[in-house]
Amino acid sequence: MRYFFSKSAAQITLEGNPASHHIEESVNGVVSLVKDRKQIIQPEEIQVIETALRNHAKGNNYRVSAKGK
């Protein structure tokens, strides 16, 4: 099955995401339906990095994203 994203309402819409998938937006603005993966990096570790970026002078230029390994 193929899924599409649109700014306007389509004829057929989903009421939610398929099981074990989530919607993700790239830095270029491309929206995708992505299969959930087991995270090796823990949420606490991601929080430490996000905190460091908030305190960095140019931290707004970066986004934290953990994928796979």
Protein backbone atom coordinates (compact mmCIF):
# COMPACT_ATOMS: atom_id res chain seq x y z
CA MET A 1 0.00 0.00 0.00
CA ARG A 2 1.22 3.51 -0.75
CA TYR A 3 0.47 6.61 1.36
CA PHE A 4 0.47 10.23 0.19
CA PHE A 5 0.48 13.50 2.11
CA SER A 6 -1.25 16.65 0.94
CA LYS A 7 -2.00 20.13 2.25
CA SER A 8 -5.60 19.80 1.03
CA ALA A 9 -8.13 17.15 2.04
CA ALA A 10 -8.18 14.08 -0.18
CA GLN A 11 -11.15 11.92 -1.09
CA ILE A 12 -9.92 9.08 1.13
CA THR A 13 -8.23 9.89 4.43
CA LEU A 14 -6.81 7.77 7.23
CA GLU A 15 -8.04 8.18 10.78
CA GLY A 16 -4.58 7.39 12.15
CA ASN A 17 -1.17 5.97 11.33
CA PRO A 18 -0.73 2.30 10.43
CA ALA A 19 0.53 0.20 13.35
CA SER A 20 4.25 0.56 14.12
CA HIS A 21 4.68 3.63 11.85
CA HIS A 22 5.00 7.35 12.47
CA ILE A 23 5.06 10.53 10.38
CA GLU A 24 8.40 12.30 10.08
CA GLU A 25 9.46 15.54 8.36
CA SER A 26 12.95 15.97 6.93
CA VAL A 27 14.96 19.18 7.22
CA ASN A 28 13.95 19.88 3.59
CA GLY A 29 10.25 19.67 4.46
CA VAL A 30 9.58 16.26 2.89
CA VAL A 31 6.92 14.38 4.89
CA SER A 32 7.21 10.59 5.06
CA LEU A 33 5.56 7.64 6.76
CA VAL A 34 8.39 5.81 8.53
CA LYS A 35 8.43 2.39 10.17
CA ASP A 36 9.26 2.48 13.89
CA ARG A 37 12.70 1.07 14.75
CA LYS A 38 14.20 0.02 18.04
CA GLN A 39 16.30 2.88 19.40
CA ILE A 40 19.77 2.06 20.68
CA ILE A 41 20.28 5.64 21.90
CA GLN A 42 18.17 6.22 25.00
CA PRO A 43 15.77 9.20 25.34
CA GLU A 44 17.86 10.47 28.27
CA GLU A 45 20.95 10.62 26.01
CA ILE A 46 19.03 12.55 23.36
CA GLN A 47 17.85 14.98 26.04
CA VAL A 48 21.46 15.71 27.06
CA ILE A 49 22.34 16.57 23.45
CA GLU A 50 19.24 18.74 23.00
CA THR A 51 20.07 20.63 26.19
CA ALA A 52 23.64 21.25 24.98
CA LEU A 53 22.31 22.58 21.67
CA ARG A 54 19.90 24.95 23.43
CA ASN A 55 22.87 26.39 25.34
CA HIS A 56 25.08 26.67 22.23
CA ALA A 57 25.24 30.04 20.44
CA LYS A 58 24.33 28.49 17.06
CA GLY A 59 22.30 25.56 18.40
CA ASN A 60 19.24 26.66 16.39
CA ASN A 61 21.11 25.62 13.23
CA TYR A 62 20.89 21.94 14.23
CA ARG A 63 18.25 19.31 14.86
CA VAL A 64 18.69 16.07 16.82
CA SER A 65 17.48 12.87 15.17
CA ALA A 66 18.40 9.35 16.27
CA LYS A 67 18.00 6.59 13.68
CA GLY A 68 18.99 2.95 14.01
CA LYS A 69 22.57 2.50 15.14
